[in-house]
Every structure is written in structure tokens, then in C-alpha cells.
Amino acid sequence: MAAMKPRTSDGPLEVSQEGRGIILRVPLEGGGRLVVEMTEDEAKTLAKELQVALVE
């Protein structure tokens, strides 16, 4: 029987330009990653909304 190891995130938050899209990779608690592809306009909107959330 294999040793049980605690699940950890799969690395840091990453953002990269791939083709015409922007790829966001977010490590999840419990392991794995959430991968989201968005357009440049969507990324700008997300950045604005995050700024608003940080101010509140």
C-alpha cells in the first residue's frame, strides 16, 4: 500500500499569454488547479473588479 501524502497546491498562481487568449492557473486547496482562458478585455475587467474588492 502506498504512503498517504497530504495534497498540496500544484505551484503558484500563473498568468500567461497563449495564442490570442490569456490563461490563468489558480492552485486549489486540496490539490489541482483551476485553469481559465479569457480575452484581453475580460482580463482587464477582472483586474478592475479585483481592485474594487481590495479597496472595500
Protein backbone atom coordinates (compact mmCIF):
# COMPACT_ATOMS: atom_id res chain seq x y z
CA MET A 1 0.00 0.00 0.00
CA ALA A 2 1.35 3.40 -0.96
CA ALA A 3 2.08 6.00 1.70
CA MET A 4 -0.60 8.66 2.04
CA LYS A 5 0.75 12.14 1.44
CA PRO A 6 -1.12 15.37 2.13
CA ARG A 7 -2.42 17.03 -1.01
CA THR A 8 -0.92 20.44 -1.65
CA SER A 9 -1.43 23.03 -4.34
CA ASP A 10 0.29 22.44 -7.66
CA GLY A 11 2.51 25.52 -7.66
CA PRO A 12 1.98 29.28 -7.65
CA LEU A 13 -0.72 31.33 -9.36
CA GLU A 14 0.30 31.79 -13.00
CA VAL A 15 -0.89 34.00 -15.85
CA SER A 16 0.38 33.60 -19.40
CA GLN A 17 -0.43 34.72 -22.92
CA GLU A 18 -1.13 31.71 -25.14
CA GLY A 19 -2.21 32.42 -28.68
CA ARG A 20 -4.95 35.04 -28.61
CA GLY A 21 -6.06 34.20 -25.07
CA ILE A 22 -4.82 34.82 -21.56
CA ILE A 23 -4.55 31.71 -19.39
CA LEU A 24 -4.98 31.98 -15.61
CA ARG A 25 -3.93 28.97 -13.48
CA VAL A 26 -5.02 29.09 -9.85
CA PRO A 27 -3.88 26.43 -7.37
CA LEU A 28 -6.79 24.96 -5.39
CA GLU A 29 -6.90 23.93 -1.77
CA GLY A 30 -6.78 20.16 -1.67
CA GLY A 31 -4.73 19.92 -4.85
CA GLY A 32 -5.20 20.56 -8.52
CA ARG A 33 -5.56 23.78 -10.45
CA LEU A 34 -8.37 25.87 -11.85
CA VAL A 35 -7.49 26.88 -15.42
CA VAL A 36 -9.41 29.78 -17.01
CA GLU A 37 -8.95 31.14 -20.51
CA MET A 38 -10.09 34.72 -21.14
CA THR A 39 -9.79 37.52 -23.65
CA GLU A 40 -7.77 40.66 -23.02
CA ASP A 41 -10.98 42.63 -22.38
CA GLU A 42 -12.16 40.04 -19.84
CA ALA A 43 -8.77 40.18 -18.10
CA LYS A 44 -8.98 43.99 -17.86
CA THR A 45 -12.48 43.76 -16.40
CA LEU A 46 -11.30 41.15 -13.88
CA ALA A 47 -8.38 43.40 -12.87
CA LYS A 48 -10.75 46.35 -12.29
CA GLU A 49 -13.13 44.22 -10.20
CA LEU A 50 -10.26 42.88 -8.09
CA GLN A 51 -9.08 46.44 -7.42
CA VAL A 52 -12.59 47.38 -6.26
CA ALA A 53 -12.70 44.33 -3.97
CA LEU A 54 -9.33 45.24 -2.42
CA VAL A 55 -10.48 48.78 -1.61
CA GLU A 56 -13.63 47.61 0.19
